[in-house]
C-alpha atoms as a PDB file:
ATOM      1  CA  UNK A   1       0.000   0.000   0.000  1.00  0.00           C
ATOM      2  CA  UNK A   2       1.331   3.381  -0.847  1.00  0.00           C
ATOM      3  CA  UNK A   3       1.952   5.905   1.950  1.00  0.00           C
ATOM      4  CA  UNK A   4      -0.321   8.869   1.947  1.00  0.00           C
ATOM      5  CA  UNK A   5       1.328  12.266   1.849  1.00  0.00           C
ATOM      6  CA  UNK A   6      -1.367  13.603   4.202  1.00  0.00           C
ATOM      7  CA  UNK A   7      -0.164  11.478   7.198  1.00  0.00           C
ATOM      8  CA  UNK A   8       2.214  13.428   9.439  1.00  0.00           C
ATOM      9  CA  UNK A   9       5.148  11.492  10.968  1.00  0.00           C
ATOM     10  CA  UNK A  10       5.083  10.837  14.773  1.00  0.00           C
ATOM     11  CA  UNK A  11       8.127  12.302  16.575  1.00  0.00           C
ATOM     12  CA  UNK A  12       8.884  11.132  20.196  1.00  0.00           C
ATOM     13  CA  UNK A  13      11.015  13.570  22.261  1.00  0.00           C
ATOM     14  CA  UNK A  14      12.630  12.203  25.439  1.00  0.00           C
ATOM     15  CA  UNK A  15      13.919  14.630  28.111  1.00  0.00           C
ATOM     16  CA  UNK A  16      16.852  13.401  30.173  1.00  0.00           C
ATOM     17  CA  UNK A  17      16.316  14.079  33.932  1.00  0.00           C
ATOM     18  CA  UNK A  18      19.267  13.867  36.353  1.00  0.00           C
ATOM     19  CA  UNK A  19      18.029  12.875  39.845  1.00  0.00           C
ATOM     20  CA  UNK A  20      19.240  15.071  42.691  1.00  0.00           C
ATOM     21  CA  UNK A  21      20.530  17.750  40.423  1.00  0.00           C
ATOM     22  CA  UNK A  22      24.140  16.430  40.480  1.00  0.00           C
ATOM     23  CA  UNK A  23      26.488  18.773  42.207  1.00  0.00           C
ATOM     24  CA  UNK A  24      23.778  21.421  42.232  1.00  0.00           C
ATOM     25  CA  UNK A  25      21.541  19.388  44.631  1.00  0.00           C
ATOM     26  CA  UNK A  26      21.126  20.042  48.431  1.00  0.00           C
ATOM     27  CA  UNK A  27      21.419  16.554  49.948  1.00  0.00           C
ATOM     28  CA  UNK A  28      25.171  16.877  50.543  1.00  0.00           C
ATOM     29  CA  UNK A  29      24.595  20.016  52.614  1.00  0.00           C
ATOM     30  CA  UNK A  30      22.482  18.102  55.119  1.00  0.00           C
ATOM     31  CA  UNK A  31      25.155  15.423  55.489  1.00  0.00           C
ATOM     32  CA  UNK A  32      27.881  18.053  55.924  1.00  0.00           C
ATOM     33  CA  UNK A  33      25.849  19.893  58.585  1.00  0.00           C
ATOM     34  CA  UNK A  34      25.424  16.639  60.524  1.00  0.00           C
ATOM     35  CA  UNK A  35      29.178  16.020  60.323  1.00  0.00           C
ATOM     36  CA  UNK A  36      30.040  19.528  61.595  1.00  0.00           C
ATOM     37  CA  UNK A  37      27.544  19.187  64.453  1.00  0.00           C
ATOM     38  CA  UNK A  38      29.050  15.840  65.496  1.00  0.00           C
ATOM     39  CA  UNK A  39      32.584  17.282  65.422  1.00  0.00           C
ATOM     40  CA  UNK A  40      31.509  20.268  67.559  1.00  0.00           C
ATOM     41  CA  UNK A  41      29.955  17.923  70.121  1.00  0.00           C
ATOM     42  CA  UNK A  42      33.096  15.776  70.133  1.00  0.00           C
ATOM     43  CA  UNK A  43      35.466  18.689  70.747  1.00  0.00           C
ATOM     44  CA  UNK A  44      33.111  20.136  73.377  1.00  0.00           C
ATOM     45  CA  UNK A  45      33.211  16.795  75.214  1.00  0.00           C
ATOM     46  CA  UNK A  46      37.048  16.776  75.050  1.00  0.00           C
ATOM     47  CA  UNK A  47      37.160  20.321  76.438  1.00  0.00           C
ATOM     48  CA  UNK A  48      34.825  19.466  79.299  1.00  0.00           C
ATOM     49  CA  UNK A  49      36.811  16.347  80.233  1.00  0.00           C
ATOM     50  CA  UNK A  50      40.020  18.364  80.232  1.00  0.00           C
ATOM     51  CA  UNK A  51      38.613  21.035  82.545  1.00  0.00           C
ATOM     52  CA  UNK A  52      37.437  18.777  85.401  1.00  0.00           C
ATOM     53  CA  UNK A  53      39.477  17.230  88.194  1.00  0.00           C
ATOM     54  CA  UNK A  54      40.465  13.560  88.372  1.00  0.00           C
ATOM     55  CA  UNK A  55      37.848  12.873  91.060  1.00  0.00           C
ATOM     56  CA  UNK A  56      35.084  14.483  88.994  1.00  0.00           C
ATOM     57  CA  UNK A  57      36.216  12.573  85.907  1.00  0.00           C
ATOM     58  CA  UNK A  58      36.091   9.330  87.903  1.00  0.00           C
ATOM     59  CA  UNK A  59      32.564  10.193  89.054  1.00  0.00           C
ATOM     60  CA  UNK A  60      31.448  10.760  85.456  1.00  0.00           C
ATOM     61  CA  UNK A  61      32.984   7.449  84.409  1.00  0.00           C
ATOM     62  CA  UNK A  62      31.263   5.641  87.285  1.00  0.00           C
ATOM     63  CA  UNK A  63      27.958   7.213  86.281  1.00  0.00           C
ATOM     64  CA  UNK A  64      28.102   5.797  82.738  1.00  0.00           C
ATOM     65  CA  UNK A  65      29.719   2.474  83.655  1.00  0.00           C
ATOM     66  CA  UNK A  66      28.884   1.693  87.302  1.00  0.00           C
ATOM     67  CA  UNK A  67      30.718  -1.098  89.059  1.00  0.00           C
ATOM     68  CA  UNK A  68      29.003  -3.564  91.343  1.00  0.00           C
ATOM     69  CA  UNK A  69      30.094  -5.698  94.235  1.00  0.00           C
ATOM     70  CA  UNK A  70      28.588  -9.141  93.758  1.00  0.00           C
ATOM     71  CA  UNK A  71      27.904 -11.311  96.770  1.00  0.00           C
ATOM     72  CA  UNK A  72      26.879 -14.906  96.084  1.00  0.00           C
ATOM     73  CA  UNK A  73      25.264 -16.839  98.913  1.00  0.00           C
ATOM     74  CA  UNK A  74      23.983 -20.374  99.021  1.00  0.00           C
ATOM     75  CA  UNK A  75      20.357 -20.816 100.001  1.00  0.00           C
ATOM     76  CA  UNK A  76      20.502 -24.637 100.010  1.00  0.00           C
ATOM     77  CA  UNK A  77      17.898 -25.058  97.276  1.00  0.00           C
ATOM     78  CA  UNK A  78      17.859 -27.211  94.145  1.00  0.00           C
ATOM     79  CA  UNK A  79      17.490 -26.308  90.521  1.00  0.00           C
ATOM     80  CA  UNK A  80      19.488 -24.806  87.702  1.00  0.00           C
ATOM     81  CA  UNK A  81      21.221 -22.253  89.939  1.00  0.00           C
ATOM     82  CA  UNK A  82      22.192 -24.856  92.509  1.00  0.00           C
ATOM     83  CA  UNK A  83      20.716 -22.843  95.362  1.00  0.00           C
ATOM     84  CA  UNK A  84      22.781 -19.654  94.804  1.00  0.00           C
ATOM     85  CA  UNK A  85      21.205 -16.249  95.212  1.00  0.00           C
ATOM     86  CA  UNK A  86      23.016 -13.164  93.901  1.00  0.00           C
ATOM     87  CA  UNK A  87      22.757  -9.723  95.507  1.00  0.00           C
ATOM     88  CA  UNK A  88      24.391  -6.647  93.980  1.00  0.00           C
ATOM     89  CA  UNK A  89      25.308  -3.509  95.877  1.00  0.00           C
ATOM     90  CA  UNK A  90      26.337  -0.430  93.934  1.00  0.00           C
ATOM     91  CA  UNK A  91      29.737   0.907  94.982  1.00  0.00           C
ATOM     92  CA  UNK A  92      28.695   4.325  93.685  1.00  0.00           C
ATOM     93  CA  UNK A  93      25.819   4.396  96.164  1.00  0.00           C
ATOM     94  CA  UNK A  94      28.250   3.630  98.993  1.00  0.00           C
ATOM     95  CA  UNK A  95      30.556   6.445  97.882  1.00  0.00           C
ATOM     96  CA  UNK A  96      27.678   8.923  97.822  1.00  0.00           C
ATOM     97  CA  UNK A  97      26.549   7.857 101.310  1.00  0.00           C
ATOM     98  CA  UNK A  98      30.112   8.219 102.633  1.00  0.00           C
ATOM     99  CA  UNK A  99      30.464  11.681 101.102  1.00  0.00           C
ATOM    100  CA  UNK A 100      27.163  12.771 102.634  1.00  0.00           C
ATOM    101  CA  UNK A 101      28.235  11.498 106.069  1.00  0.00           C
ATOM    102  CA  UNK A 102      31.578  13.307 105.692  1.00  0.00           C
ATOM    103  CA  UNK A 103      29.878  16.596 104.818  1.00  0.00           C
ATOM    104  CA  UNK A 104      27.379  16.213 107.636  1.00  0.00           C
ATOM    105  CA  UNK A 105      30.181  15.630 110.134  1.00  0.00           C
ATOM    106  CA  UNK A 106      32.099  18.613 108.766  1.00  0.00           C
ATOM    107  CA  UNK A 107      29.074  20.797 109.447  1.00  0.00           C
ATOM    108  CA  UNK A 108      28.797  19.451 112.997  1.00  0.00           C
ATOM    109  CA  UNK A 109      32.491  20.227 113.607  1.00  0.00           C
ATOM    110  CA  UNK A 110      31.973  23.716 112.207  1.00  0.00           C
ATOM    111  CA  UNK A 111      29.214  24.148 114.786  1.00  0.00           C
ATOM    112  CA  UNK A 112      31.835  23.396 117.469  1.00  0.00           C
ATOM    113  CA  UNK A 113      33.972  26.243 116.100  1.00  0.00           C
ATOM    114  CA  UNK A 114      30.991  28.604 116.193  1.00  0.00           C
ATOM    115  CA  UNK A 115      30.170  27.563 119.751  1.00  0.00           C
ATOM    116  CA  UNK A 116      33.767  28.163 120.867  1.00  0.00           C
ATOM    117  CA  UNK A 117      33.793  31.596 119.217  1.00  0.00           C
ATOM    118  CA  UNK A 118      30.570  32.518 121.008  1.00  0.00           C
ATOM    119  CA  UNK A 119      31.842  31.302 124.395  1.00  0.00           C
ATOM    120  CA  UNK A 120      35.248  32.963 124.092  1.00  0.00           C
ATOM    121  CA  UNK A 121      33.572  36.215 123.057  1.00  0.00           C
ATOM    122  CA  UNK A 122      31.923  36.365 126.466  1.00  0.00           C
ATOM    123  CA  UNK A 123      35.303  36.326 128.246  1.00  0.00           C
ATOM    124  CA  UNK A 124      36.748  39.580 129.535  1.00  0.00           C
ATOM    125  CA  UNK A 125      40.134  38.611 128.055  1.00  0.00           C
ATOM    126  CA  UNK A 126      38.803  37.201 124.786  1.00  0.00           C
ATOM    127  CA  UNK A 127      41.169  39.109 122.499  1.00  0.00           C
ATOM    128  CA  UNK A 128      44.264  38.013 124.407  1.00  0.00           C
ATOM    129  CA  UNK A 129      43.069  34.409 124.727  1.00  0.00           C
ATOM    130  CA  UNK A 130      42.358  34.001 121.014  1.00  0.00           C
ATOM    131  CA  UNK A 131      45.913  35.037 120.128  1.00  0.00           C
ATOM    132  CA  UNK A 132      46.966  31.606 121.419  1.00  0.00           C
ATOM    133  CA  UNK A 133      44.399  29.668 119.369  1.00  0.00           C
ATOM    134  CA  UNK A 134      44.430  28.414 115.797  1.00  0.00           C
ATOM    135  CA  UNK A 135      41.585  26.202 114.514  1.00  0.00           C
ATOM    136  CA  UNK A 136      41.569  24.214 111.284  1.00  0.00           C
ATOM    137  CA  UNK A 137      39.426  21.461 109.803  1.00  0.00           C
ATOM    138  CA  UNK A 138      41.396  18.583 108.265  1.00  0.00           C
ATOM    139  CA  UNK A 139      40.761  15.060 107.007  1.00  0.00           C
ATOM    140  CA  UNK A 140      41.760  13.819 110.467  1.00  0.00           C
ATOM    141  CA  UNK A 141      39.307  16.060 112.281  1.00  0.00           C
ATOM    142  CA  UNK A 142      38.895  19.472 113.911  1.00  0.00           C
ATOM    143  CA  UNK A 143      42.273  20.626 115.248  1.00  0.00           C
ATOM    144  CA  UNK A 144      42.558  23.179 118.047  1.00  0.00           C
ATOM    145  CA  UNK A 145      46.187  24.344 118.300  1.00  0.00           C
ATOM    146  CA  UNK A 146      47.113  26.260 121.470  1.00  0.00           C
ATOM    147  CA  UNK A 147      50.536  27.901 121.219  1.00  0.00           C
ATOM    148  CA  UNK A 148      52.854  29.830 123.501  1.00  0.00           C
ATOM    149  CA  UNK A 149      53.396  33.487 122.805  1.00  0.00           C
ATOM    150  CA  UNK A 150      56.848  35.004 123.530  1.00  0.00           C
ATOM    151  CA  UNK A 151      55.509  36.804 126.603  1.00  0.00           C
ATOM    152  CA  UNK A 152      52.633  34.438 127.508  1.00  0.00           C
ATOM    153  CA  UNK A 153      53.387  30.696 127.810  1.00  0.00           C
ATOM    154  CA  UNK A 154      50.750  28.021 128.370  1.00  0.00           C
ATOM    155  CA  UNK A 155      52.874  26.236 130.990  1.00  0.00           C
ATOM    156  CA  UNK A 156      55.738  27.110 133.259  1.00  0.00           C
ATOM    157  CA  UNK A 157      58.827  27.136 131.007  1.00  0.00           C
ATOM    158  CA  UNK A 158      60.507  24.174 132.653  1.00  0.00           C
ATOM    159  CA  UNK A 159      57.507  22.154 133.785  1.00  0.00           C
ATOM    160  CA  UNK A 160      53.890  21.094 133.250  1.00  0.00           C
ATOM    161  CA  UNK A 161      52.125  23.555 135.556  1.00  0.00           C
ATOM    162  CA  UNK A 162      49.392  25.299 133.576  1.00  0.00           C
ATOM    163  CA  UNK A 163      49.386  29.082 133.402  1.00  0.00           C
ATOM    164  CA  UNK A 164      46.160  31.144 133.763  1.00  0.00           C
ATOM    165  CA  UNK A 165      45.706  31.465 129.991  1.00  0.00           C
ATOM    166  CA  UNK A 166      45.441  27.677 129.604  1.00  0.00           C
ATOM    167  CA  UNK A 167      43.205  27.403 132.656  1.00  0.00           C
ATOM    168  CA  UNK A 168      40.783  29.788 130.950  1.00  0.00           C
ATOM    169  CA  UNK A 169      40.945  28.224 127.479  1.00  0.00           C
ATOM    170  CA  UNK A 170      40.382  24.571 128.407  1.00  0.00           C
ATOM    171  CA  UNK A 171      36.890  24.998 129.950  1.00  0.00           C
ATOM    172  CA  UNK A 172      35.742  27.042 126.934  1.00  0.00           C
ATOM    173  CA  UNK A 173      36.937  24.392 124.499  1.00  0.00           C
ATOM    174  CA  UNK A 174      35.491  21.555 126.561  1.00  0.00           C
ATOM    175  CA  UNK A 175      32.109  23.255 126.673  1.00  0.00           C
ATOM    176  CA  UNK A 176      32.085  23.729 122.883  1.00  0.00           C
ATOM    177  CA  UNK A 177      33.088  20.094 122.282  1.00  0.00           C
ATOM    178  CA  UNK A 178      30.079  18.798 124.177  1.00  0.00           C
ATOM    179  CA  UNK A 179      27.781  19.439 121.211  1.00  0.00           C
ATOM    180  CA  UNK A 180      29.345  16.496 119.314  1.00  0.00           C
ATOM    181  CA  UNK A 181      30.359  12.972 120.332  1.00  0.00           C
ATOM    182  CA  UNK A 182      33.638  12.643 118.399  1.00  0.00           C
ATOM    183  CA  UNK A 183      36.628  11.165 120.264  1.00  0.00           C
ATOM    184  CA  UNK A 184      39.449  13.474 121.321  1.00  0.00           C
ATOM    185  CA  UNK A 185      43.207  13.152 120.825  1.00  0.00           C
ATOM    186  CA  UNK A 186      45.659  15.243 122.876  1.00  0.00           C
ATOM    187  CA  UNK A 187      49.185  15.979 121.687  1.00  0.00           C
ATOM    188  CA  UNK A 188      51.906  18.147 123.241  1.00  0.00           C
ATOM    189  CA  UNK A 189      54.877  19.596 121.328  1.00  0.00           C
ATOM    190  CA  UNK A 190      57.999  21.337 122.565  1.00  0.00           C
ATOM    191  CA  UNK A 191      60.590  23.765 121.323  1.00  0.00           C
ATOM    192  CA  UNK A 192      64.102  22.393 120.851  1.00  0.00           C
ATOM    193  CA  UNK A 193      66.704  22.813 123.587  1.00  0.00           C
ATOM    194  CA  UNK A 194      70.427  23.473 123.083  1.00  0.00           C
ATOM    195  CA  UNK A 195      72.359  20.410 121.945  1.00  0.00           C
ATOM    196  CA  UNK A 196      74.911  20.946 124.726  1.00  0.00           C
ATOM    197  CA  UNK A 197      72.416  19.752 127.347  1.00  0.00           C
ATOM    198  CA  UNK A 198      73.402  16.390 128.729  1.00  0.00           C
ATOM    199  CA  UNK A 199      69.812  15.294 129.327  1.00  0.00           C
ATOM    200  CA  UNK A 200      67.366  16.666 126.771  1.00  0.00           C
ATOM    201  CA  UNK A 201      64.008  17.098 128.585  1.00  0.00           C
ATOM    202  CA  UNK A 202      61.714  17.303 125.531  1.00  0.00           C
ATOM    203  CA  UNK A 203      60.184  13.824 125.808  1.00  0.00           C
ATOM    204  CA  UNK A 204      59.461  13.951 129.527  1.00  0.00           C
ATOM    205  CA  UNK A 205      58.255  17.547 129.209  1.00  0.00           C
ATOM    206  CA  UNK A 206      55.726  16.928 126.433  1.00  0.00           C
ATOM    207  CA  UNK A 207      54.441  13.725 128.046  1.00  0.00           C
ATOM    208  CA  UNK A 208      53.894  15.580 131.324  1.00  0.00           C
ATOM    209  CA  UNK A 209      52.157  18.496 129.596  1.00  0.00           C
ATOM    210  CA  UNK A 210      49.875  16.168 127.607  1.00  0.00           C
ATOM    211  CA  UNK A 211      48.922  14.366 130.820  1.00  0.00           C
ATOM    212  CA  UNK A 212      48.326  17.685 132.621  1.00  0.00           C
ATOM    213  CA  UNK A 213      46.059  18.827 129.763  1.00  0.00           C
ATOM    214  CA  UNK A 214      44.120  15.564 129.981  1.00  0.00           C
ATOM    215  CA  UNK A 215      43.611  16.179 133.693  1.00  0.00           C
ATOM    216  CA  UNK A 216      42.334  19.738 133.053  1.00  0.00           C
ATOM    217  CA  UNK A 217      39.920  18.524 130.358  1.00  0.00           C
ATOM    218  CA  UNK A 218      38.455  15.821 132.598  1.00  0.00           C
ATOM    219  CA  UNK A 219      38.093  18.322 135.430  1.00  0.00           C
ATOM    220  CA  UNK A 220      36.054  20.501 133.049  1.00  0.00           C
ATOM    221  CA  UNK A 221      33.471  17.730 132.670  1.00  0.00           C
ATOM    222  CA  UNK A 222      34.638  16.037 129.469  1.00  0.00           C
ATOM    223  CA  UNK A 223      33.531  12.397 129.182  1.00  0.00           C
ATOM    224  CA  UNK A 224      36.541  10.091 129.888  1.00  0.00           C
ATOM    225  CA  UNK A 225      35.404   7.502 127.340  1.00  0.00           C
ATOM    226  CA  UNK A 226      35.818  10.061 124.541  1.00  0.00           C
ATOM    227  CA  UNK A 227      39.581  10.326 125.105  1.00  0.00           C
ATOM    228  CA  UNK A 228      41.286   8.424 122.295  1.00  0.00           C
ATOM    229  CA  UNK A 229      44.993   9.080 122.905  1.00  0.00           C
ATOM    230  CA  UNK A 230      47.376  11.293 124.865  1.00  0.00           C
ATOM    231  CA  UNK A 231      50.760  11.801 123.198  1.00  0.00           C
ATOM    232  CA  UNK A 232      54.026  13.633 123.776  1.00  0.00           C
ATOM    233  CA  UNK A 233      55.708  14.535 120.476  1.00  0.00           C
ATOM    234  CA  UNK A 234      58.875  16.144 121.908  1.00  0.00           C
ATOM    235  CA  UNK A 235      60.470  18.562 119.410  1.00  0.00           C
ATOM    236  CA  UNK A 236      60.048  16.304 116.361  1.00  0.00           C
ATOM    237  CA  UNK A 237      57.423  18.407 114.510  1.00  0.00           C
ATOM    238  CA  UNK A 238      58.172  22.110 115.109  1.00  0.00           C
ATOM    239  CA  UNK A 239      55.614  24.690 114.035  1.00  0.00           C
ATOM    240  CA  UNK A 240      58.497  26.890 112.871  1.00  0.00           C
ATOM    241  CA  UNK A 241      61.025  24.547 111.225  1.00  0.00           C
ATOM    242  CA  UNK A 242      63.349  27.452 110.544  1.00  0.00           C
ATOM    243  CA  UNK A 243      63.569  28.367 114.237  1.00  0.00           C
ATOM    244  CA  UNK A 244      63.143  25.213 116.296  1.00  0.00           C
ATOM    245  CA  UNK A 245      63.920  27.015 119.561  1.00  0.00           C
ATOM    246  CA  UNK A 246      61.127  29.588 119.117  1.00  0.00           C
ATOM    247  CA  UNK A 247      58.468  29.776 121.822  1.00  0.00           C
ATOM    248  CA  UNK A 248      55.697  29.168 119.263  1.00  0.00           C
ATOM    249  CA  UNK A 249      56.896  25.554 118.958  1.00  0.00           C
ATOM    250  CA  UNK A 250      55.557  24.942 122.484  1.00  0.00           C
ATOM    251  CA  UNK A 251      51.985  24.003 121.728  1.00  0.00           C
ATOM    252  CA  UNK A 252      49.094  21.678 122.394  1.00  0.00           C
ATOM    253  CA  UNK A 253      46.907  20.046 119.751  1.00  0.00           C
ATOM    254  CA  UNK A 254      43.403  18.948 120.694  1.00  0.00           C
ATOM    255  CA  UNK A 255      41.871  17.000 117.807  1.00  0.00           C
ATOM    256  CA  UNK A 256      38.221  16.030 117.548  1.00  0.00           C
ATOM    257  CA  UNK A 257      38.684  12.939 115.383  1.00  0.00           C
ATOM    258  CA  UNK A 258      36.398  12.200 112.457  1.00  0.00           C
ATOM    259  CA  UNK A 259      34.322   9.064 112.406  1.00  0.00           C
ATOM    260  CA  UNK A 260      33.553   9.415 108.657  1.00  0.00           C
ATOM    261  CA  UNK A 261      36.456   9.149 106.218  1.00  0.00           C
ATOM    262  CA  UNK A 262      36.461   9.645 102.456  1.00  0.00           C
END
């Protein structure tokens, strides 16, 4: 059959479409933004870990990976477990409880300091008395240090007879210590004596002064069962290492010992 000249040819036009627009698309921008955000978070975490102490870093590590103490006990039963029961106790919980007890005890010891300050403020010679006293809170406990002044010793220079300043200080301290139940340690220290002395009296002197202080404290109404130790330290730990013969090295330390330890 012959083709008719009146029939128009059919032309099919196909348009090529590139998905995503090639390098002109926006999908890569989303991926890049996620990458930048992750890197910022990573470097922020590194900065934070570098700015905290070792103890705080350990606490963070324990928070994310807690350790457990496992205690296995036999209950005498039968079965797949053979009668064993397992109990777990979090060590982190124990650490938190210990820290809370430590802080609570620190506050109670601070109350002793406040009570002593209030009692000594009522004394007519408060300013002069407090020149002999230094108080500090340590890991061992609350330390009251009573020191000689060049013109005002706590004891007679060559013996263990208490001077008026010590006789006034001891009752005030004993009264303040009654608000807690912590045990008490007494220590006496001495200045060094010239090396030419044939018999160095530092040991006998500090032992006698520690015992005399114990006697004064008990006379003031302190409970005997709270006394933990009474020690003479001789001249082995001077307060002024550069001048071991200074009067300030003659001192007493009364320590309210902690019951909670970190």
